[in-house]
Amino acid sequence: MTFSTIADTHPDAERLQIKLLRQAPSWQNLELMVQMFHTIKQLALIGLRQCFPSAAEEVLRRRLADQLLWKEPAEKVFGPFQLSEKSDSDSLEYILAKAHHSD
């Protein structure tokens, strides 16, 4: 039984990719990891901009930190996340928080 880790890649191509990765020098594999991490960050920011189109760049970066580090570690590093009317007025989170505080 063969186990494939890449669903959209032919098993022969996947075997070749794995062989080449194993033969590559460590610095090259590290460079590939760094490039993948930057791509992940860019895709996450694109998703955040779609969810929060009027949010300021600093708010998007803070939300990105919550996604990448998880909420608790991000709060330890950056402090608690503050929802502001200016940057999050279109956010369901903001609307619910405002409604909860007005009760």
PDB file of N, CA and C in Angstrom:
ATOM      1  N   MET A   1       0.844  -1.190   0.000  1.00  0.00           N
ATOM      2  CA  MET A   1       0.000   0.000   0.000  1.00  0.00           C
ATOM      3  C   MET A   1       0.885   1.248   0.000  1.00  0.00           C
ATOM      4  N   THR A   2       0.565   2.182  -0.868  1.00  0.00           N
ATOM      5  CA  THR A   2       1.332   3.412  -0.959  1.00  0.00           C
ATOM      6  C   THR A   2       0.548   4.545  -0.308  1.00  0.00           C
ATOM      7  N   PHE A   3       1.242   5.357   0.453  1.00  0.00           N
ATOM      8  CA  PHE A   3       0.611   6.493   1.116  1.00  0.00           C
ATOM      9  C   PHE A   3       1.026   7.771   0.404  1.00  0.00           C
ATOM     10  N   SER A   4       0.050   8.516  -0.080  1.00  0.00           N
ATOM     11  CA  SER A   4       0.332   9.773  -0.762  1.00  0.00           C
ATOM     12  C   SER A   4       0.007  10.936   0.158  1.00  0.00           C
ATOM     13  N   THR A   5       0.919  11.863   0.244  1.00  0.00           N
ATOM     14  CA  THR A   5       0.697  13.040   1.095  1.00  0.00           C
ATOM     15  C   THR A   5       0.189  14.233   0.307  1.00  0.00           C
ATOM     16  N   ILE A   6       0.294  14.191  -1.002  1.00  0.00           N
ATOM     17  CA  ILE A   6      -0.132  15.303  -1.843  1.00  0.00           C
ATOM     18  C   ILE A   6      -1.254  14.804  -2.747  1.00  0.00           C
ATOM     19  N   ALA A   7      -2.474  15.208  -2.451  1.00  0.00           N
ATOM     20  CA  ALA A   7      -3.654  14.655  -3.108  1.00  0.00           C
ATOM     21  C   ALA A   7      -3.708  14.917  -4.613  1.00  0.00           C
ATOM     22  N   ASP A   8      -3.201  16.050  -5.066  1.00  0.00           N
ATOM     23  CA  ASP A   8      -3.343  16.385  -6.482  1.00  0.00           C
ATOM     24  C   ASP A   8      -2.081  16.104  -7.302  1.00  0.00           C
ATOM     25  N   THR A   9      -1.179  15.296  -6.765  1.00  0.00           N
ATOM     26  CA  THR A   9       0.075  14.997  -7.444  1.00  0.00           C
ATOM     27  C   THR A   9       0.169  13.494  -7.736  1.00  0.00           C
ATOM     28  N   HIS A  10       0.578  13.178  -8.922  1.00  0.00           N
ATOM     29  CA  HIS A  10       0.755  11.775  -9.302  1.00  0.00           C
ATOM     30  C   HIS A  10       1.820  11.163  -8.388  1.00  0.00           C
ATOM     31  N   PRO A  11       1.616   9.922  -7.944  1.00  0.00           N
ATOM     32  CA  PRO A  11       2.577   9.290  -7.023  1.00  0.00           C
ATOM     33  C   PRO A  11       4.023   9.292  -7.529  1.00  0.00           C
ATOM     34  N   ASP A  12       4.236   9.116  -8.835  1.00  0.00           N
ATOM     35  CA  ASP A  12       5.613   9.139  -9.363  1.00  0.00           C
ATOM     36  C   ASP A  12       6.235  10.523  -9.203  1.00  0.00           C
ATOM     37  N   ALA A  13       5.446  11.539  -9.482  1.00  0.00           N
ATOM     38  CA  ALA A  13       5.946  12.915  -9.331  1.00  0.00           C
ATOM     39  C   ALA A  13       6.223  13.222  -7.868  1.00  0.00           C
ATOM     40  N   GLU A  14       5.358  12.732  -7.000  1.00  0.00           N
ATOM     41  CA  GLU A  14       5.557  12.962  -5.563  1.00  0.00           C
ATOM     42  C   GLU A  14       6.838  12.280  -5.074  1.00  0.00           C
ATOM     43  N   ARG A  15       7.080  11.054  -5.520  1.00  0.00           N
ATOM     44  CA  ARG A  15       8.317  10.348  -5.137  1.00  0.00           C
ATOM     45  C   ARG A  15       9.550  11.127  -5.585  1.00  0.00           C
ATOM     46  N   LEU A  16       9.489  11.688  -6.797  1.00  0.00           N
ATOM     47  CA  LEU A  16      10.603  12.485  -7.307  1.00  0.00           C
ATOM     48  C   LEU A  16      10.790  13.748  -6.467  1.00  0.00           C
ATOM     49  N   GLN A  17       9.677  14.417  -6.116  1.00  0.00           N
ATOM     50  CA  GLN A  17       9.770  15.617  -5.275  1.00  0.00           C
ATOM     51  C   GLN A  17      10.426  15.293  -3.934  1.00  0.00           C
ATOM     52  N   ILE A  18       9.992  14.212  -3.319  1.00  0.00           N
ATOM     53  CA  ILE A  18      10.554  13.820  -2.018  1.00  0.00           C
ATOM     54  C   ILE A  18      12.040  13.491  -2.154  1.00  0.00           C
ATOM     55  N   LYS A  19      12.399  12.783  -3.217  1.00  0.00           N
ATOM     56  CA  LYS A  19      13.810  12.435  -3.452  1.00  0.00           C
ATOM     57  C   LYS A  19      14.653  13.703  -3.599  1.00  0.00           C
ATOM     58  N   LEU A  20      14.153  14.662  -4.389  1.00  0.00           N
ATOM     59  CA  LEU A  20      14.900  15.909  -4.594  1.00  0.00           C
ATOM     60  C   LEU A  20      15.011  16.712  -3.301  1.00  0.00           C
ATOM     61  N   LEU A  21      13.943  16.739  -2.502  1.00  0.00           N
ATOM     62  CA  LEU A  21      14.001  17.453  -1.224  1.00  0.00           C
ATOM     63  C   LEU A  21      15.028  16.817  -0.280  1.00  0.00           C
ATOM     64  N   ARG A  22      15.089  15.500  -0.282  1.00  0.00           N
ATOM     65  CA  ARG A  22      16.049  14.806   0.581  1.00  0.00           C
ATOM     66  C   ARG A  22      17.484  15.050   0.127  1.00  0.00           C
ATOM     67  N   GLN A  23      17.688  15.216  -1.185  1.00  0.00           N
ATOM     68  CA  GLN A  23      19.037  15.431  -1.717  1.00  0.00           C
ATOM     69  C   GLN A  23      19.473  16.894  -1.623  1.00  0.00           C
ATOM     70  N   ALA A  24      18.521  17.789  -1.460  1.00  0.00           N
ATOM     71  CA  ALA A  24      18.842  19.220  -1.438  1.00  0.00           C
ATOM     72  C   ALA A  24      19.591  19.574  -0.160  1.00  0.00           C
ATOM     73  N   PRO A  25      20.462  20.577  -0.234  1.00  0.00           N
ATOM     74  CA  PRO A  25      21.159  21.023   0.984  1.00  0.00           C
ATOM     75  C   PRO A  25      20.156  21.651   1.968  1.00  0.00           C
ATOM     76  N   SER A  26      20.512  21.619   3.222  1.00  0.00           N
ATOM     77  CA  SER A  26      19.625  22.134   4.276  1.00  0.00           C
ATOM     78  C   SER A  26      19.220  23.570   4.042  1.00  0.00           C
ATOM     79  N   TRP A  27      20.169  24.404   3.596  1.00  0.00           N
ATOM     80  CA  TRP A  27      19.853  25.813   3.400  1.00  0.00           C
ATOM     81  C   TRP A  27      18.764  25.980   2.342  1.00  0.00           C
ATOM     82  N   GLN A  28      18.750  25.109   1.333  1.00  0.00           N
ATOM     83  CA  GLN A  28      17.745  25.225   0.275  1.00  0.00           C
ATOM     84  C   GLN A  28      16.358  24.828   0.805  1.00  0.00           C
ATOM     85  N   ASN A  29      16.309  23.775   1.619  1.00  0.00           N
ATOM     86  CA  ASN A  29      15.036  23.381   2.212  1.00  0.00           C
ATOM     87  C   ASN A  29      14.524  24.451   3.172  1.00  0.00           C
ATOM     88  N   LEU A  30      15.434  25.071   3.916  1.00  0.00           N
ATOM     89  CA  LEU A  30      15.041  26.151   4.812  1.00  0.00           C
ATOM     90  C   LEU A  30      14.497  27.338   4.019  1.00  0.00           C
ATOM     91  N   GLU A  31      15.133  27.655   2.919  1.00  0.00           N
ATOM     92  CA  GLU A  31      14.662  28.737   2.059  1.00  0.00           C
ATOM     93  C   GLU A  31      13.254  28.439   1.522  1.00  0.00           C
ATOM     94  N   LEU A  32      13.013  27.192   1.138  1.00  0.00           N
ATOM     95  CA  LEU A  32      11.671  26.802   0.681  1.00  0.00           C
ATOM     96  C   LEU A  32      10.640  26.975   1.797  1.00  0.00           C
ATOM     97  N   MET A  33      11.004  26.608   3.020  1.00  0.00           N
ATOM     98  CA  MET A  33      10.092  26.772   4.158  1.00  0.00           C
ATOM     99  C   MET A  33       9.771  28.241   4.402  1.00  0.00           C
ATOM    100  N   VAL A  34      10.770  29.086   4.330  1.00  0.00           N
ATOM    101  CA  VAL A  34      10.562  30.522   4.534  1.00  0.00           C
ATOM    102  C   VAL A  34       9.632  31.071   3.455  1.00  0.00           C
ATOM    103  N   GLN A  35       9.842  30.673   2.200  1.00  0.00           N
ATOM    104  CA  GLN A  35       8.974  31.115   1.113  1.00  0.00           C
ATOM    105  C   GLN A  35       7.530  30.648   1.332  1.00  0.00           C
ATOM    106  N   MET A  36       7.369  29.411   1.786  1.00  0.00           N
ATOM    107  CA  MET A  36       6.013  28.904   2.056  1.00  0.00           C
ATOM    108  C   MET A  36       5.356  29.683   3.182  1.00  0.00           C
ATOM    109  N   PHE A  37       6.119  30.012   4.222  1.00  0.00           N
ATOM    110  CA  PHE A  37       5.567  30.782   5.336  1.00  0.00           C
ATOM    111  C   PHE A  37       5.111  32.161   4.862  1.00  0.00           C
ATOM    112  N   HIS A  38       5.911  32.818   4.018  1.00  0.00           N
ATOM    113  CA  HIS A  38       5.520  34.131   3.493  1.00  0.00           C
ATOM    114  C   HIS A  38       4.254  34.022   2.642  1.00  0.00           C
ATOM    115  N   THR A  39       4.145  32.968   1.876  1.00  0.00           N
ATOM    116  CA  THR A  39       2.938  32.752   1.062  1.00  0.00           C
ATOM    117  C   THR A  39       1.720  32.548   1.954  1.00  0.00           C
ATOM    118  N   ILE A  40       1.876  31.769   3.017  1.00  0.00           N
ATOM    119  CA  ILE A  40       0.779  31.543   3.959  1.00  0.00           C
ATOM    120  C   ILE A  40       0.331  32.861   4.578  1.00  0.00           C
ATOM    121  N   LYS A  41       1.299  33.693   4.981  1.00  0.00           N
ATOM    122  CA  LYS A  41       0.962  35.001   5.560  1.00  0.00           C
ATOM    123  C   LYS A  41       0.205  35.867   4.564  1.00  0.00           C
ATOM    124  N   GLN A  42       0.659  35.886   3.309  1.00  0.00           N
ATOM    125  CA  GLN A  42      -0.010  36.693   2.287  1.00  0.00           C
ATOM    126  C   GLN A  42      -1.433  36.216   2.053  1.00  0.00           C
ATOM    127  N   LEU A  43      -1.626  34.902   1.965  1.00  0.00           N
ATOM    128  CA  LEU A  43      -2.967  34.365   1.760  1.00  0.00           C
ATOM    129  C   LEU A  43      -3.876  34.658   2.956  1.00  0.00           C
ATOM    130  N   ALA A  44      -3.329  34.552   4.151  1.00  0.00           N
ATOM    131  CA  ALA A  44      -4.112  34.857   5.352  1.00  0.00           C
ATOM    132  C   ALA A  44      -4.520  36.327   5.373  1.00  0.00           C
ATOM    133  N   LEU A  45      -3.611  37.229   5.004  1.00  0.00           N
ATOM    134  CA  LEU A  45      -3.952  38.659   4.956  1.00  0.00           C
ATOM    135  C   LEU A  45      -5.016  38.948   3.906  1.00  0.00           C
ATOM    136  N   ILE A  46      -4.949  38.274   2.774  1.00  0.00           N
ATOM    137  CA  ILE A  46      -5.972  38.443   1.741  1.00  0.00           C
ATOM    138  C   ILE A  46      -7.333  38.034   2.310  1.00  0.00           C
ATOM    139  N   GLY A  47      -7.379  36.910   3.013  1.00  0.00           N
ATOM    140  CA  GLY A  47      -8.624  36.461   3.630  1.00  0.00           C
ATOM    141  C   GLY A  47      -9.133  37.439   4.673  1.00  0.00           C
ATOM    142  N   LEU A  48      -8.227  37.986   5.482  1.00  0.00           N
ATOM    143  CA  LEU A  48      -8.630  38.966   6.492  1.00  0.00           C
ATOM    144  C   LEU A  48      -9.162  40.239   5.846  1.00  0.00           C
ATOM    145  N   ARG A  49      -8.530  40.676   4.769  1.00  0.00           N
ATOM    146  CA  ARG A  49      -9.016  41.883   4.066  1.00  0.00           C
ATOM    147  C   ARG A  49     -10.415  41.657   3.497  1.00  0.00           C
ATOM    148  N   GLN A  50     -10.702  40.432   3.062  1.00  0.00           N
ATOM    149  CA  GLN A  50     -12.039  40.128   2.559  1.00  0.00           C
ATOM    150  C   GLN A  50     -13.057  40.125   3.695  1.00  0.00           C
ATOM    151  N   CYS A  51     -12.668  39.613   4.858  1.00  0.00           N
ATOM    152  CA  CYS A  51     -13.582  39.582   6.007  1.00  0.00           C
ATOM    153  C   CYS A  51     -13.769  40.947   6.648  1.00  0.00           C
ATOM    154  N   PHE A  52     -12.730  41.764   6.619  1.00  0.00           N
ATOM    155  CA  PHE A  52     -12.746  43.073   7.284  1.00  0.00           C
ATOM    156  C   PHE A  52     -12.264  44.144   6.306  1.00  0.00           C
ATOM    157  N   PRO A  53     -13.072  44.475   5.292  1.00  0.00           N
ATOM    158  CA  PRO A  53     -12.608  45.371   4.232  1.00  0.00           C
ATOM    159  C   PRO A  53     -12.261  46.788   4.685  1.00  0.00           C
ATOM    160  N   SER A  54     -12.838  47.252   5.768  1.00  0.00           N
ATOM    161  CA  SER A  54     -12.534  48.622   6.193  1.00  0.00           C
ATOM    162  C   SER A  54     -11.543  48.669   7.357  1.00  0.00           C
ATOM    163  N   ALA A  55     -11.010  47.541   7.741  1.00  0.00           N
ATOM    164  CA  ALA A  55     -10.068  47.505   8.864  1.00  0.00           C
ATOM    165  C   ALA A  55      -8.732  48.136   8.475  1.00  0.00           C
ATOM    166  N   ALA A  56      -8.141  48.825   9.436  1.00  0.00           N
ATOM    167  CA  ALA A  56      -6.831  49.437   9.237  1.00  0.00           C
ATOM    168  C   ALA A  56      -5.769  48.340   9.130  1.00  0.00           C
ATOM    169  N   GLU A  57      -4.661  48.669   8.489  1.00  0.00           N
ATOM    170  CA  GLU A  57      -3.577  47.701   8.284  1.00  0.00           C
ATOM    171  C   GLU A  57      -3.061  47.151   9.618  1.00  0.00           C
ATOM    172  N   GLU A  58      -2.959  48.005  10.637  1.00  0.00           N
ATOM    173  CA  GLU A  58      -2.466  47.542  11.941  1.00  0.00           C
ATOM    174  C   GLU A  58      -3.438  46.540  12.580  1.00  0.00           C
ATOM    175  N   VAL A  59      -4.724  46.722  12.350  1.00  0.00           N
ATOM    176  CA  VAL A  59      -5.723  45.789  12.871  1.00  0.00           C
ATOM    177  C   VAL A  59      -5.608  44.451  12.145  1.00  0.00           C
ATOM    178  N   LEU A  60      -5.405  44.509  10.829  1.00  0.00           N
ATOM    179  CA  LEU A  60      -5.242  43.279  10.056  1.00  0.00           C
ATOM    180  C   LEU A  60      -4.002  42.513  10.507  1.00  0.00           C
ATOM    181  N   ARG A  61      -2.913  43.235  10.760  1.00  0.00           N
ATOM    182  CA  ARG A  61      -1.687  42.576  11.228  1.00  0.00           C
ATOM    183  C   ARG A  61      -1.902  41.928  12.593  1.00  0.00           C
ATOM    184  N   ARG A  62      -2.680  42.600  13.460  1.00  0.00           N
ATOM    185  CA  ARG A  62      -2.967  42.036  14.792  1.00  0.00           C
ATOM    186  C   ARG A  62      -3.840  40.791  14.670  1.00  0.00           C
ATOM    187  N   ARG A  63      -4.815  40.837  13.772  1.00  0.00           N
ATOM    188  CA  ARG A  63      -5.662  39.659  13.539  1.00  0.00           C
ATOM    189  C   ARG A  63      -4.822  38.516  12.945  1.00  0.00           C
ATOM    190  N   LEU A  64      -3.879  38.865  12.093  1.00  0.00           N
ATOM    191  CA  LEU A  64      -2.977  37.860  11.534  1.00  0.00           C
ATOM    192  C   LEU A  64      -2.162  37.198  12.648  1.00  0.00           C
ATOM    193  N   ALA A  65      -1.692  37.986  13.590  1.00  0.00           N
ATOM    194  CA  ALA A  65      -0.944  37.434  14.727  1.00  0.00           C
ATOM    195  C   ALA A  65      -1.809  36.450  15.505  1.00  0.00           C
ATOM    196  N   ASP A  66      -3.096  36.778  15.689  1.00  0.00           N
ATOM    197  CA  ASP A  66      -4.007  35.861  16.373  1.00  0.00           C
ATOM    198  C   ASP A  66      -4.108  34.540  15.617  1.00  0.00           C
ATOM    199  N   GLN A  67      -4.136  34.615  14.289  1.00  0.00           N
ATOM    200  CA  GLN A  67      -4.239  33.398  13.488  1.00  0.00           C
ATOM    201  C   GLN A  67      -2.946  32.586  13.510  1.00  0.00           C
ATOM    202  N   LEU A  68      -1.815  33.255  13.386  1.00  0.00           N
ATOM    203  CA  LEU A  68      -0.546  32.549  13.295  1.00  0.00           C
ATOM    204  C   LEU A  68      -0.047  32.052  14.645  1.00  0.00           C
ATOM    205  N   LEU A  69      -0.231  32.855  15.687  1.00  0.00           N
ATOM    206  CA  LEU A  69       0.280  32.504  17.011  1.00  0.00           C
ATOM    207  C   LEU A  69      -0.778  31.879  17.909  1.00  0.00           C
ATOM    208  N   TRP A  70      -2.021  32.005  17.540  1.00  0.00           N
ATOM    209  CA  TRP A  70      -3.198  31.679  18.324  1.00  0.00           C
ATOM    210  C   TRP A  70      -3.450  32.827  19.283  1.00  0.00           C
ATOM    211  N   LYS A  71      -4.650  32.910  19.750  1.00  0.00           N
ATOM    212  CA  LYS A  71      -5.090  34.085  20.492  1.00  0.00           C
ATOM    213  C   LYS A  71      -4.300  34.328  21.780  1.00  0.00           C
ATOM    214  N   GLU A  72      -4.146  33.319  22.614  1.00  0.00           N
ATOM    215  CA  GLU A  72      -3.502  33.520  23.916  1.00  0.00           C
ATOM    216  C   GLU A  72      -2.040  33.963  23.787  1.00  0.00           C
ATOM    217  N   PRO A  73      -1.215  33.279  22.974  1.00  0.00           N
ATOM    218  CA  PRO A  73       0.160  33.767  22.823  1.00  0.00           C
ATOM    219  C   PRO A  73       0.223  35.168  22.202  1.00  0.00           C
ATOM    220  N   ALA A  74      -0.673  35.459  21.249  1.00  0.00           N
ATOM    221  CA  ALA A  74      -0.680  36.785  20.628  1.00  0.00           C
ATOM    222  C   ALA A  74      -1.006  37.850  21.668  1.00  0.00           C
ATOM    223  N   GLU A  75      -1.924  37.551  22.582  1.00  0.00           N
ATOM    224  CA  GLU A  75      -2.261  38.516  23.639  1.00  0.00           C
ATOM    225  C   GLU A  75      -1.080  38.739  24.577  1.00  0.00           C
ATOM    226  N   LYS A  76      -0.299  37.691  24.841  1.00  0.00           N
ATOM    227  CA  LYS A  76       0.871  37.847  25.699  1.00  0.00           C
ATOM    228  C   LYS A  76       1.914  38.746  25.036  1.00  0.00           C
ATOM    229  N   VAL A  77       2.048  38.624  23.710  1.00  0.00           N
ATOM    230  CA  VAL A  77       3.048  39.407  22.991  1.00  0.00           C
ATOM    231  C   VAL A  77       2.559  40.831  22.722  1.00  0.00           C
ATOM    232  N   PHE A  78       1.306  40.964  22.250  1.00  0.00           N
ATOM    233  CA  PHE A  78       0.802  42.260  21.782  1.00  0.00           C
ATOM    234  C   PHE A  78      -0.222  42.903  22.712  1.00  0.00           C
ATOM    235  N   GLY A  79      -0.631  42.220  23.757  1.00  0.00           N
ATOM    236  CA  GLY A  79      -1.685  42.717  24.624  1.00  0.00           C
ATOM    237  C   GLY A  79      -3.041  42.314  24.067  1.00  0.00           C
ATOM    238  N   PRO A  80      -4.108  42.570  24.844  1.00  0.00           N
ATOM    239  CA  PRO A  80      -5.438  42.166  24.391  1.00  0.00           C
ATOM    240  C   PRO A  80      -5.854  42.904  23.119  1.00  0.00           C
ATOM    241  N   PHE A  81      -6.594  42.192  22.290  1.00  0.00           N
ATOM    242  CA  PHE A  81      -7.073  42.778  21.039  1.00  0.00           C
ATOM    243  C   PHE A  81      -8.213  43.726  21.356  1.00  0.00           C
ATOM    244  N   GLN A  82      -8.100  44.949  20.887  1.00  0.00           N
ATOM    245  CA  GLN A  82      -9.124  45.955  21.131  1.00  0.00           C
ATOM    246  C   GLN A  82      -9.934  46.183  19.868  1.00  0.00           C
ATOM    247  N   LEU A  83     -11.239  45.981  19.957  1.00  0.00           N
ATOM    248  CA  LEU A  83     -12.109  46.283  18.821  1.00  0.00           C
ATOM    249  C   LEU A  83     -12.401  47.769  18.847  1.00  0.00           C
ATOM    250  N   SER A  84     -12.261  48.412  17.707  1.00  0.00           N
ATOM    251  CA  SER A  84     -12.550  49.841  17.644  1.00  0.00           C
ATOM    252  C   SER A  84     -13.582  50.091  16.559  1.00  0.00           C
ATOM    253  N   GLU A  85     -14.431  51.053  16.814  1.00  0.00           N
ATOM    254  CA  GLU A  85     -15.494  51.359  15.857  1.00  0.00           C
ATOM    255  C   GLU A  85     -14.916  51.772  14.511  1.00  0.00           C
ATOM    256  N   LYS A  86     -13.809  52.525  14.546  1.00  0.00           N
ATOM    257  CA  LYS A  86     -13.199  53.013  13.305  1.00  0.00           C
ATOM    258  C   LYS A  86     -12.714  51.867  12.412  1.00  0.00           C
ATOM    259  N   SER A  87     -12.043  50.894  13.015  1.00  0.00           N
ATOM    260  CA  SER A  87     -11.416  49.865  12.189  1.00  0.00           C
ATOM    261  C   SER A  87     -12.259  48.614  12.020  1.00  0.00           C
ATOM    262  N   ASP A  88     -13.253  48.407  12.872  1.00  0.00           N
ATOM    263  CA  ASP A  88     -13.994  47.154  12.825  1.00  0.00           C
ATOM    264  C   ASP A  88     -15.499  47.343  12.752  1.00  0.00           C
ATOM    265  N   SER A  89     -15.948  48.469  12.235  1.00  0.00           N
ATOM    266  CA  SER A  89     -17.383  48.733  12.234  1.00  0.00           C
ATOM    267  C   SER A  89     -18.160  47.726  11.402  1.00  0.00           C
ATOM    268  N   ASP A  90     -17.496  47.054  10.450  1.00  0.00           N
ATOM    269  CA  ASP A  90     -18.181  46.069   9.625  1.00  0.00           C
ATOM    270  C   ASP A  90     -18.046  44.658  10.188  1.00  0.00           C
ATOM    271  N   SER A  91     -17.425  44.526  11.327  1.00  0.00           N
ATOM    272  CA  SER A  91     -17.146  43.216  11.902  1.00  0.00           C
ATOM    273  C   SER A  91     -18.315  42.741  12.755  1.00  0.00           C
ATOM    274  N   LEU A  92     -18.736  41.511  12.524  1.00  0.00           N
ATOM    275  CA  LEU A  92     -19.780  40.911  13.353  1.00  0.00           C
ATOM    276  C   LEU A  92     -19.321  40.859  14.801  1.00  0.00           C
ATOM    277  N   GLU A  93     -18.029  40.608  14.995  1.00  0.00           N
ATOM    278  CA  GLU A  93     -17.451  40.588  16.338  1.00  0.00           C
ATOM    279  C   GLU A  93     -17.696  41.927  17.041  1.00  0.00           C
ATOM    280  N   TYR A  94     -17.459  43.022  16.321  1.00  0.00           N
ATOM    281  CA  TYR A  94     -17.630  44.359  16.898  1.00  0.00           C
ATOM    282  C   TYR A  94     -19.094  44.611  17.230  1.00  0.00           C
ATOM    283  N   ILE A  95     -19.975  44.265  16.314  1.00  0.00           N
ATOM    284  CA  ILE A  95     -21.407  44.496  16.513  1.00  0.00           C
ATOM    285  C   ILE A  95     -21.903  43.717  17.747  1.00  0.00           C
ATOM    286  N   LEU A  96     -21.490  42.453  17.855  1.00  0.00           N
ATOM    287  CA  LEU A  96     -21.905  41.639  18.993  1.00  0.00           C
ATOM    288  C   LEU A  96     -21.319  42.175  20.299  1.00  0.00           C
ATOM    289  N   ALA A  97     -20.065  42.583  20.285  1.00  0.00           N
ATOM    290  CA  ALA A  97     -19.440  43.131  21.493  1.00  0.00           C
ATOM    291  C   ALA A  97     -20.135  44.412  21.915  1.00  0.00           C
ATOM    292  N   LYS A  98     -20.475  45.262  20.971  1.00  0.00           N
ATOM    293  CA  LYS A  98     -21.154  46.523  21.285  1.00  0.00           C
ATOM    294  C   LYS A  98     -22.555  46.240  21.849  1.00  0.00           C
ATOM    295  N   ALA A  99     -23.273  45.287  21.255  1.00  0.00           N
ATOM    296  CA  ALA A  99     -24.601  44.930  21.727  1.00  0.00           C
ATOM    297  C   ALA A  99     -24.531  44.348  23.135  1.00  0.00           C
ATOM    298  N   HIS A 100     -23.504  43.537  23.406  1.00  0.00           N
ATOM    299  CA  HIS A 100     -23.342  42.903  24.712  1.00  0.00           C
ATOM    300  C   HIS A 100     -23.075  43.958  25.786  1.00  0.00           C
ATOM    301  N   HIS A 101     -22.286  44.977  25.469  1.00  0.00           N
ATOM    302  CA  HIS A 101     -21.947  46.008  26.461  1.00  0.00           C
ATOM    303  C   HIS A 101     -23.089  46.984  26.686  1.00  0.00           C
ATOM    304  N   SER A 102     -24.033  47.078  25.773  1.00  0.00           N
ATOM    305  CA  SER A 102     -25.132  48.023  25.934  1.00  0.00           C
ATOM    306  C   SER A 102     -26.294  47.432  26.722  1.00  0.00           C
ATOM    307  N   ASP A 103     -26.198  46.125  27.060  1.00  0.00           N
ATOM    308  CA  ASP A 103     -27.273  45.476  27.847  1.00  0.00           C
ATOM    309  C   ASP A 103     -27.292  45.948  29.275  1.00  0.00           C
TER     310      ASP A 103
END
